[in-house]
Amino acid sequence: MNKILIANRGEIAVRIIRACKEMNIKTVAIYSEIDKDAMHTRLADESICVGPANSSKSYLNFKNIIEAANITGADSIHPGFGFLSENSKFAKICEESNIKFIGPSYKVIELMGNKSNAKELMKKAGVPVIQGSEGSIKGIEDATKICKEIGYPVMIKAAAGGGGKGIRIVNSEEELEKNYNIVKQEAKVSFNDDEIYIEKYIKNPRHVEIQILADEHGNVVHLGERDCSIQRRNQKIIEETPSTAIDEELRNKMGEAAIRAAKASGYTSCGTIEFLVDSDKNFYFMEMNTRIQVEHPITEMRTGIDIVKAQIKIAAGEELKLEQKDIEFRGHSIECRINAENPNKKFMPCPGTITGINLPGGNGIRIDTAIYEGCTIPPTYDSMIMKIITYGESRNEAISKMKRALEETVIEGVDTNIDFLFKIIKNPNFLRGNFDTSFIEKEIAIGDGEF
């Protein structure tokens, strides 16, 4: 692997470029016209424009990206997260073009990308799954019958979904009829696939995921869990590891289940198995993310393993040099996602030019970002502009460092959610580890005129 084209932008593109530099691998940055002066274009060895600001004509443009790889002589493509990272058609085109797609095979992406099919595979592998439909729903009559069998409340979900899109909670047959077509339409618009499925709604669970690494030689290890329960409208905001919701016995069971899931699907690369954990400590498979995760840095902080480098080595055919017994878990790590948005205006995105910036530092603090003074946050892409990651010997220490880091962070020229994040980490129930996926709705948003 001599030259990698990064088919992405923002902080993840910067993150991948840095890993490549440390591995002495040449890099190519792609950019849209609006991203011409973005940091990732400056850090890469080469950069090439792939289209206008609209992502469908640039960062999602198969033809232009493959041409960019051919023009620059890139032998591999790293898709990062979002955009084309879980697009099986793009992974297949890479393979047909003799370009290495740094991720699992297109067949595995296709298999695990369809949530209903993935669920059936997990059942066969002995991984606990949530009660629900057997595959995709054939129509409203089928949906009504299934809901009567498993009982309300239920969730209607896009089979090709992700990122909190294409999901509705339904409490009655009347609500089912009202939301059925809405979810199908959302699924079609967001994923170009209107297949949906139904599963039993688990009230106020914890969202706990397991990071895995799997090579092309049959070796699979897990790197522990991440608790992603602090969410707003199914979008993660704060993640941490280890989770305060599970003990060592449950942690081992979930890790073993994640390894079974990876082996059952023939998975290679880094990946994440996402679970829901109920109040009785039962856990259920939710989905598999066949890519690097936004929150991967907290796992790196706690294990000392560079997941992006491992992903690249696996794609190059190298064998994992790690066995499960070699992986050591130390301390506690937390990540806060900084978004250019205004919490006081229903979290409205806030594009604009950054006129001043001060980033925190010190022992146990990591910043993943692509912003700098004078750069412009475009209105066309996701509003996340930075991640603050802290590490401490204990959870209290990691939280204390996060408080300090948020206090030190200054971003002028655009609104951000920093004050909102600070409000969360000061909350008594968060400090006690007493929270679930409904935390923000119950503790922060409802009854709080400020947010």
Protein backbone atom coordinates (compact mmCIF):
# COMPACT_ATOMS: atom_id res chain seq x y z
CA MET A 1 0.00 0.00 0.00
CA ASN A 2 1.88 3.04 -1.30
CA LYS A 3 -0.66 5.82 -1.70
CA ILE A 4 -4.08 6.21 -0.05
CA LEU A 5 -6.83 8.50 -1.28
CA ILE A 6 -9.05 9.69 1.59
CA ALA A 7 -12.63 9.85 0.33
CA ASN A 8 -13.78 12.16 3.08
CA ARG A 9 -13.30 15.60 4.66
CA GLY A 10 -13.06 17.31 8.05
CA GLU A 11 -11.50 15.87 11.17
CA ILE A 12 -11.67 12.22 10.08
CA ALA A 13 -9.75 13.00 6.89
CA VAL A 14 -7.11 14.79 8.99
CA ARG A 15 -7.01 11.83 11.41
CA ILE A 16 -6.39 9.35 8.58
CA ILE A 17 -3.75 11.54 6.90
CA ARG A 18 -1.81 11.77 10.16
CA ALA A 19 -1.86 7.98 10.60
CA CYS A 20 -0.63 7.54 7.01
CA LYS A 21 2.22 10.02 7.53
CA GLU A 22 3.39 8.06 10.57
CA MET A 23 3.30 4.89 8.44
CA ASN A 24 5.21 6.59 5.59
CA ILE A 25 2.27 6.18 3.22
CA LYS A 26 1.55 8.94 0.67
CA THR A 27 -1.90 10.53 0.82
CA VAL A 28 -4.35 12.17 -1.56
CA ALA A 29 -7.07 14.47 -0.27
CA ILE A 30 -10.24 14.99 -2.27
CA TYR A 31 -12.27 18.14 -1.80
CA SER A 32 -15.34 19.91 -3.07
CA GLU A 33 -15.07 23.44 -4.43
CA ILE A 34 -16.24 24.89 -1.12
CA ASP A 35 -13.54 22.90 0.75
CA LYS A 36 -10.61 24.12 -1.34
CA ASP A 37 -8.83 25.66 1.67
CA ALA A 38 -9.83 22.98 4.20
CA MET A 39 -7.15 21.62 6.52
CA HIS A 40 -7.17 18.10 5.06
CA THR A 41 -6.22 19.50 1.64
CA ARG A 42 -3.21 21.22 3.22
CA LEU A 43 -1.94 18.22 5.16
CA ALA A 44 -2.14 15.62 2.39
CA ASP A 45 0.71 15.08 -0.08
CA GLU A 46 -1.67 15.82 -2.95
CA SER A 47 -5.19 17.18 -3.24
CA ILE A 48 -7.72 17.05 -6.05
CA CYS A 49 -11.15 18.60 -6.56
CA VAL A 50 -13.96 16.13 -7.20
CA GLY A 51 -16.91 18.47 -7.72
CA PRO A 52 -19.07 21.31 -6.37
CA ALA A 53 -20.24 21.79 -2.77
CA ASN A 54 -23.25 19.51 -3.09
CA SER A 55 -22.03 16.19 -1.65
CA SER A 56 -23.95 14.16 -4.24
CA LYS A 57 -21.72 15.75 -6.87
CA SER A 58 -18.45 15.52 -4.93
CA TYR A 59 -17.96 13.37 -1.81
CA LEU A 60 -20.64 10.91 -2.99
CA ASN A 61 -19.62 10.95 -6.65
CA PHE A 62 -18.33 7.42 -7.41
CA LYS A 63 -17.05 8.27 -10.87
CA ASN A 64 -15.11 11.39 -9.89
CA ILE A 65 -13.52 9.74 -6.84
CA ILE A 66 -12.35 6.68 -8.78
CA GLU A 67 -10.99 8.98 -11.51
CA ALA A 68 -9.17 10.99 -8.83
CA ALA A 69 -7.56 7.80 -7.55
CA ASN A 70 -6.47 6.81 -11.07
CA ILE A 71 -5.14 10.29 -11.92
CA THR A 72 -3.05 10.47 -8.73
CA GLY A 73 -1.95 6.83 -8.78
CA ALA A 74 -3.60 5.97 -5.46
CA ASP A 75 -3.77 2.21 -4.95
CA SER A 76 -6.18 2.38 -2.01
CA ILE A 77 -9.15 4.39 -0.77
CA HIS A 78 -10.02 5.05 2.87
CA PRO A 79 -13.66 6.16 3.17
CA GLY A 80 -13.56 7.38 6.79
CA PHE A 81 -17.09 7.53 8.26
CA GLY A 82 -20.28 8.83 6.67
CA PHE A 83 -20.43 9.55 2.93
CA LEU A 84 -19.40 6.32 1.12
CA SER A 85 -17.99 4.42 4.08
CA GLU A 86 -20.84 1.88 4.20
CA ASN A 87 -21.79 1.95 0.53
CA SER A 88 -21.43 -1.57 -0.84
CA LYS A 89 -21.73 -0.39 -4.46
CA PHE A 90 -18.77 1.94 -4.03
CA ALA A 91 -16.71 -0.79 -2.33
CA LYS A 92 -17.52 -3.10 -5.25
CA ILE A 93 -16.50 -0.48 -7.82
CA CYS A 94 -13.19 -0.05 -5.98
CA GLU A 95 -12.59 -3.79 -6.19
CA GLU A 96 -13.47 -3.87 -9.89
CA SER A 97 -11.10 -0.94 -10.46
CA ASN A 98 -8.22 -2.76 -8.69
CA ILE A 99 -8.24 -0.17 -5.91
CA LYS A 100 -8.13 -1.48 -2.34
CA PHE A 101 -11.14 -0.36 -0.31
CA ILE A 102 -9.94 0.04 3.28
CA GLY A 103 -12.82 -1.69 4.99
CA PRO A 104 -14.71 -4.97 4.75
CA SER A 105 -15.71 -6.54 1.43
CA TYR A 106 -18.68 -5.13 -0.42
CA LYS A 107 -20.56 -8.39 0.23
CA VAL A 108 -20.20 -7.99 4.00
CA ILE A 109 -21.19 -4.30 3.86
CA GLU A 110 -24.28 -5.31 1.90
CA LEU A 111 -25.09 -8.11 4.33
CA MET A 112 -24.66 -6.10 7.53
CA GLY A 113 -25.99 -2.86 6.05
CA ASN A 114 -29.46 -4.33 5.77
CA LYS A 115 -30.49 -4.31 9.42
CA SER A 116 -33.21 -6.94 9.07
CA ASN A 117 -30.89 -9.41 7.29
CA ALA A 118 -28.14 -8.73 9.82
CA LYS A 119 -30.55 -9.49 12.63
CA GLU A 120 -31.37 -12.90 11.14
CA LEU A 121 -27.67 -13.70 10.79
CA MET A 122 -27.07 -12.74 14.43
CA LYS A 123 -29.85 -15.07 15.56
CA LYS A 124 -28.14 -17.97 13.82
CA ALA A 125 -24.81 -17.00 15.42
CA GLY A 126 -26.32 -17.09 18.91
CA VAL A 127 -26.15 -13.33 19.42
CA PRO A 128 -29.17 -12.01 21.37
CA VAL A 129 -31.53 -9.95 19.21
CA ILE A 130 -34.61 -7.86 19.93
CA GLN A 131 -37.98 -9.49 19.23
CA GLY A 132 -39.47 -8.24 15.97
CA SER A 133 -40.19 -8.90 12.31
CA GLU A 134 -38.54 -11.71 10.41
CA GLY A 135 -36.86 -9.62 7.73
CA SER A 136 -38.42 -6.63 6.02
CA ILE A 137 -42.10 -5.69 6.28
CA LYS A 138 -44.20 -6.51 3.21
CA GLY A 139 -46.99 -4.01 3.84
CA ILE A 140 -49.16 -2.31 6.43
CA GLU A 141 -51.20 -5.49 7.05
CA ASP A 142 -48.01 -7.42 7.75
CA ALA A 143 -46.84 -4.63 10.07
CA THR A 144 -50.14 -4.61 11.98
CA LYS A 145 -50.02 -8.37 12.48
CA ILE A 146 -46.44 -8.31 13.79
CA CYS A 147 -47.18 -5.46 16.21
CA LYS A 148 -50.13 -7.37 17.64
CA GLU A 149 -47.90 -10.40 18.15
CA ILE A 150 -45.04 -8.66 19.94
CA GLY A 151 -47.11 -5.90 21.57
CA TYR A 152 -46.70 -2.14 21.63
CA PRO A 153 -44.60 -0.01 21.88
CA VAL A 154 -42.53 -0.89 18.81
CA MET A 155 -39.96 0.83 16.60
CA ILE A 156 -40.35 1.13 12.84
CA LYS A 157 -36.87 1.34 11.35
CA ALA A 158 -35.29 1.75 7.93
CA ALA A 159 -33.58 -1.52 6.97
CA ALA A 160 -30.67 0.39 5.43
CA GLY A 161 -30.73 3.03 8.17
CA GLY A 162 -28.11 4.62 10.36
CA GLY A 163 -27.27 7.87 12.11
CA GLY A 164 -30.66 8.03 13.84
CA LYS A 165 -32.58 8.50 10.57
CA GLY A 166 -35.66 6.55 9.50
CA ILE A 167 -36.85 5.65 13.01
CA ARG A 168 -40.25 6.08 14.67
CA ILE A 169 -41.54 4.87 18.04
CA VAL A 170 -45.13 3.65 17.76
CA ASN A 171 -47.44 3.12 20.74
CA SER A 172 -50.69 2.03 19.07
CA GLU A 173 -52.23 0.74 15.84
CA GLU A 174 -53.40 4.27 15.05
CA GLU A 175 -49.81 5.56 15.34
CA LEU A 176 -48.60 2.65 13.21
CA GLU A 177 -50.87 3.63 10.33
CA LYS A 178 -49.79 7.25 10.69
CA ASN A 179 -46.03 6.56 10.74
CA TYR A 180 -45.67 3.56 8.44
CA ASN A 181 -45.51 5.52 5.17
CA ILE A 182 -43.54 8.35 6.79
CA VAL A 183 -40.71 5.97 7.71
CA LYS A 184 -40.77 4.36 4.26
CA GLN A 185 -40.50 7.79 2.67
CA GLU A 186 -37.65 8.82 4.98
CA ALA A 187 -35.85 5.57 4.22
CA LYS A 188 -36.19 6.16 0.48
CA VAL A 189 -34.95 9.75 0.71
CA SER A 190 -32.09 9.08 3.14
CA PHE A 191 -30.85 5.69 1.93
CA ASN A 192 -32.45 5.18 -1.49
CA ASP A 193 -34.06 2.03 -0.04
CA ASP A 194 -37.60 2.03 1.38
CA GLU A 195 -37.37 -1.37 3.11
CA ILE A 196 -38.38 -1.17 6.76
CA TYR A 197 -38.61 -3.57 9.68
CA ILE A 198 -40.17 -3.60 13.13
CA GLU A 199 -38.75 -4.49 16.51
CA LYS A 200 -39.94 -4.31 20.09
CA TYR A 201 -39.17 -0.95 21.68
CA ILE A 202 -36.98 -1.27 24.75
CA LYS A 203 -37.74 1.64 27.04
CA ASN A 204 -34.82 3.71 28.30
CA PRO A 205 -31.96 1.30 27.50
CA ARG A 206 -28.24 1.96 27.55
CA HIS A 207 -26.57 2.10 24.14
CA VAL A 208 -23.33 0.13 24.48
CA GLU A 209 -21.13 -0.84 21.54
CA ILE A 210 -18.14 -3.17 21.19
CA GLN A 211 -15.15 -2.29 18.99
CA ILE A 212 -13.65 -5.21 17.08
CA LEU A 213 -10.65 -5.80 14.83
CA ALA A 214 -10.72 -8.71 12.38
CA ASP A 215 -8.01 -9.66 9.90
CA GLU A 216 -8.12 -11.69 6.67
CA HIS A 217 -6.63 -14.72 8.43
CA GLY A 218 -9.56 -15.46 10.74
CA ASN A 219 -8.30 -13.60 13.80
CA VAL A 220 -10.82 -11.43 15.68
CA VAL A 221 -10.37 -9.46 18.90
CA HIS A 222 -12.50 -6.93 20.71
CA LEU A 223 -11.22 -3.70 22.23
CA GLY A 224 -13.86 -3.30 24.91
CA GLU A 225 -17.03 -1.24 25.02
CA ARG A 226 -18.12 2.35 24.56
CA ASP A 227 -21.23 3.76 26.20
CA CYS A 228 -23.05 6.02 23.73
CA SER A 229 -26.24 6.59 25.71
CA ILE A 230 -26.00 10.39 25.84
CA GLN A 231 -27.94 11.17 22.68
CA ARG A 232 -30.21 13.82 21.27
CA ARG A 233 -32.76 12.53 18.76
CA ASN A 234 -30.77 9.31 18.30
CA GLN A 235 -27.58 11.30 17.58
CA LYS A 236 -24.65 10.60 19.90
CA ILE A 237 -23.24 13.60 21.77
CA ILE A 238 -21.01 12.20 24.53
CA GLU A 239 -19.35 8.77 24.62
CA GLU A 240 -17.26 7.09 27.29
CA THR A 241 -15.39 3.91 28.09
CA PRO A 242 -15.76 1.86 30.20
CA SER A 243 -19.52 1.93 30.65
CA THR A 244 -20.90 2.45 34.13
CA ALA A 245 -23.83 0.19 33.19
CA ILE A 246 -22.02 -3.13 32.90
CA ASP A 247 -19.77 -5.27 35.08
CA GLU A 248 -16.84 -7.46 34.07
CA GLU A 249 -18.98 -10.55 33.55
CA LEU A 250 -21.39 -8.75 31.21
CA ARG A 251 -18.47 -7.02 29.47
CA ASN A 252 -16.93 -10.40 28.65
CA LYS A 253 -20.26 -11.80 27.41
CA MET A 254 -20.80 -8.82 25.13
CA GLY A 255 -17.22 -9.01 23.85
CA GLU A 256 -17.62 -12.71 23.04
CA ALA A 257 -20.94 -12.02 21.30
CA ALA A 258 -19.31 -9.28 19.20
CA ILE A 259 -16.56 -11.67 18.12
CA ARG A 260 -19.18 -14.29 17.16
CA ALA A 261 -21.01 -11.63 15.16
CA ALA A 262 -17.85 -10.68 13.27
CA LYS A 263 -16.95 -14.29 12.50
CA ALA A 264 -20.50 -15.14 11.40
CA SER A 265 -20.45 -12.35 8.83
CA GLY A 266 -16.92 -13.10 7.56
CA TYR A 267 -15.92 -9.62 8.67
CA THR A 268 -12.48 -8.06 8.15
CA SER A 269 -11.28 -4.56 9.14
CA CYS A 270 -12.28 -2.54 12.18
CA GLY A 271 -15.97 -2.54 13.00
CA THR A 272 -18.44 -1.94 15.78
CA ILE A 273 -21.27 -4.10 17.09
CA GLU A 274 -23.93 -1.94 18.69
CA PHE A 275 -26.10 -3.32 21.49
CA LEU A 276 -28.95 -2.12 23.67
CA VAL A 277 -28.72 -3.05 27.36
CA ASP A 278 -31.97 -3.08 29.34
CA SER A 279 -32.54 -2.40 33.03
CA ASP A 280 -32.18 -6.13 33.82
CA LYS A 281 -28.73 -6.22 32.18
CA ASN A 282 -29.93 -8.16 29.15
CA PHE A 283 -28.23 -7.08 25.94
CA TYR A 284 -29.50 -7.20 22.37
CA PHE A 285 -27.85 -6.77 18.97
CA MET A 286 -28.93 -3.55 17.29
CA GLU A 287 -26.65 -3.14 14.25
CA MET A 288 -23.10 -3.38 12.98
CA ASN A 289 -21.21 -0.33 11.76
CA THR A 290 -18.85 -1.54 9.03
CA ARG A 291 -16.44 1.42 9.30
CA ILE A 292 -14.36 3.48 11.66
CA GLN A 293 -16.56 5.18 14.27
CA VAL A 294 -16.62 8.86 15.24
CA GLU A 295 -15.94 7.81 18.84
CA HIS A 296 -12.97 5.51 18.15
CA PRO A 297 -10.48 7.81 19.97
CA ILE A 298 -11.73 6.90 23.45
CA THR A 299 -10.95 3.25 22.76
CA GLU A 300 -7.49 4.24 21.52
CA MET A 301 -6.89 6.26 24.68
CA ARG A 302 -7.80 3.33 26.92
CA THR A 303 -6.06 0.52 25.02
CA GLY A 304 -3.13 2.33 23.40
CA ILE A 305 -4.07 0.74 20.06
CA ASP A 306 -4.20 2.95 16.95
CA ILE A 307 -7.38 1.69 15.27
CA VAL A 308 -6.84 3.55 11.98
CA LYS A 309 -3.35 2.11 11.58
CA ALA A 310 -4.67 -1.35 12.43
CA GLN A 311 -7.40 -0.89 9.81
CA ILE A 312 -4.83 0.02 7.15
CA LYS A 313 -2.57 -2.91 8.05
CA ILE A 314 -5.51 -5.34 7.88
CA ALA A 315 -6.42 -3.97 4.42
CA ALA A 316 -2.81 -4.59 3.35
CA GLY A 317 -3.25 -8.26 4.29
CA GLU A 318 -1.24 -8.20 7.48
CA GLU A 319 -2.10 -10.56 10.30
CA LEU A 320 -3.19 -9.14 13.65
CA LYS A 321 -0.31 -9.30 16.08
CA LEU A 322 -2.75 -9.10 18.99
CA GLU A 323 -4.56 -11.85 20.82
CA GLN A 324 -7.39 -11.11 23.22
CA LYS A 325 -5.14 -11.78 26.22
CA ASP A 326 -2.70 -9.11 24.99
CA ILE A 327 -5.24 -6.27 25.16
CA GLU A 328 -5.04 -4.23 28.34
CA PHE A 329 -7.70 -1.79 29.45
CA ARG A 330 -6.54 1.13 31.56
CA GLY A 331 -8.31 4.14 33.05
CA HIS A 332 -11.32 5.99 31.69
CA SER A 333 -11.91 8.09 28.57
CA ILE A 334 -14.68 10.48 27.51
CA GLU A 335 -15.44 12.20 24.21
CA CYS A 336 -17.54 15.31 23.60
CA ARG A 337 -18.64 16.21 20.08
CA ILE A 338 -18.40 19.94 19.36
CA ASN A 339 -20.94 21.05 16.77
CA ALA A 340 -21.38 24.39 15.02
CA GLU A 341 -25.00 24.81 16.07
CA ASN A 342 -27.18 26.92 18.33
CA PRO A 343 -28.88 24.94 21.13
CA ASN A 344 -31.07 27.96 21.92
CA LYS A 345 -32.53 27.84 18.41
CA LYS A 346 -33.45 24.16 18.29
CA PHE A 347 -29.84 23.23 17.51
CA MET A 348 -29.93 25.06 14.21
CA PRO A 349 -26.63 24.58 12.31
CA CYS A 350 -24.39 27.65 12.37
CA PRO A 351 -22.08 27.86 9.34
CA GLY A 352 -19.64 30.76 9.07
CA THR A 353 -16.04 31.84 9.39
CA ILE A 354 -14.06 31.12 12.54
CA THR A 355 -12.60 34.45 13.62
CA GLY A 356 -10.82 33.29 16.76
CA ILE A 357 -9.91 29.99 18.37
CA ASN A 358 -8.24 28.63 21.50
CA LEU A 359 -7.93 24.88 21.95
CA PRO A 360 -7.35 23.16 25.29
CA GLY A 361 -4.27 21.11 26.08
CA GLY A 362 -2.44 19.38 28.87
CA ASN A 363 -1.96 15.82 30.05
CA GLY A 364 -4.77 13.46 29.04
CA ILE A 365 -6.44 15.77 26.51
CA ARG A 366 -6.70 15.01 22.79
CA ILE A 367 -8.28 17.23 20.14
CA ASP A 368 -9.45 15.82 16.81
CA THR A 369 -10.43 18.66 14.49
CA ALA A 370 -9.90 20.28 11.10
CA ILE A 371 -10.73 23.86 12.05
CA TYR A 372 -8.35 26.80 12.27
CA GLU A 373 -8.67 30.57 12.60
CA GLY A 374 -9.96 31.97 9.32
CA CYS A 375 -11.47 28.73 8.06
CA THR A 376 -15.08 28.62 6.95
CA ILE A 377 -17.61 26.09 8.20
CA PRO A 378 -19.77 25.38 5.13
CA PRO A 379 -23.55 24.97 5.35
CA THR A 380 -23.52 21.87 3.18
CA TYR A 381 -22.13 19.19 5.53
CA ASP A 382 -22.49 17.77 9.05
CA SER A 383 -22.16 20.37 11.80
CA MET A 384 -19.55 18.47 13.88
CA ILE A 385 -16.33 20.50 13.84
CA MET A 386 -14.29 19.04 16.68
CA LYS A 387 -14.00 16.24 19.23
CA ILE A 388 -12.52 16.70 22.67
CA ILE A 389 -11.25 13.47 24.20
CA THR A 390 -10.01 13.20 27.77
CA TYR A 391 -8.30 10.39 29.66
CA GLY A 392 -7.94 9.85 33.40
CA GLU A 393 -7.06 7.04 35.77
CA SER A 394 -10.66 7.21 37.00
CA ARG A 395 -13.99 8.40 35.61
CA ASN A 396 -13.96 11.38 37.96
CA GLU A 397 -10.55 12.41 36.67
CA ALA A 398 -11.65 12.09 33.03
CA ILE A 399 -14.73 14.23 33.78
CA SER A 400 -12.67 16.85 35.62
CA LYS A 401 -10.35 17.11 32.63
CA MET A 402 -13.33 17.43 30.29
CA LYS A 403 -14.74 20.28 32.39
CA ARG A 404 -11.42 22.08 32.17
CA ALA A 405 -11.09 21.41 28.46
CA LEU A 406 -14.56 22.76 27.70
CA GLU A 407 -13.86 25.85 29.83
CA GLU A 408 -10.63 26.53 27.91
CA THR A 409 -12.15 26.05 24.46
CA VAL A 410 -12.93 29.26 22.61
CA ILE A 411 -14.43 29.23 19.12
CA GLU A 412 -15.44 32.67 17.82
CA GLY A 413 -17.43 33.47 14.69
CA VAL A 414 -19.90 30.56 14.93
CA ASP A 415 -22.25 29.29 17.63
CA THR A 416 -21.38 25.96 19.24
CA ASN A 417 -22.89 23.46 21.67
CA ILE A 418 -20.05 23.81 24.22
CA ASP A 419 -22.25 25.29 26.96
CA PHE A 420 -24.83 22.56 26.34
CA LEU A 421 -22.15 19.87 26.76
CA PHE A 422 -20.89 21.54 29.92
CA LYS A 423 -24.42 21.46 31.32
CA ILE A 424 -24.58 17.70 30.71
CA ILE A 425 -21.29 16.80 32.38
CA LYS A 426 -22.17 18.86 35.46
CA ASN A 427 -25.52 17.10 35.86
CA PRO A 428 -25.66 15.06 39.13
CA ASN A 429 -27.12 11.98 37.43
CA PHE A 430 -24.46 12.04 34.74
CA LEU A 431 -21.79 12.35 37.43
CA ARG A 432 -23.28 9.32 39.19
CA GLY A 433 -23.39 7.33 35.94
CA ASN A 434 -27.15 7.19 36.31
CA PHE A 435 -28.43 7.73 32.77
CA ASP A 436 -29.86 6.05 29.68
CA THR A 437 -30.77 7.06 26.14
CA SER A 438 -33.60 9.28 27.44
CA PHE A 439 -31.21 11.32 29.64
CA ILE A 440 -31.22 14.58 27.65
CA GLU A 441 -34.98 14.52 27.18
CA LYS A 442 -35.54 14.00 30.92
CA GLU A 443 -32.67 15.92 32.47
CA ILE A 444 -31.66 18.69 30.08
CA ALA A 445 -34.20 19.57 27.40
CA ILE A 446 -37.59 19.20 29.08
CA GLY A 447 -38.58 22.07 31.31
CA ASP A 448 -35.38 23.97 30.61
CA GLY A 449 -36.13 27.14 28.70
CA GLU A 450 -32.45 27.82 28.14
CA PHE A 451 -32.10 24.79 25.91
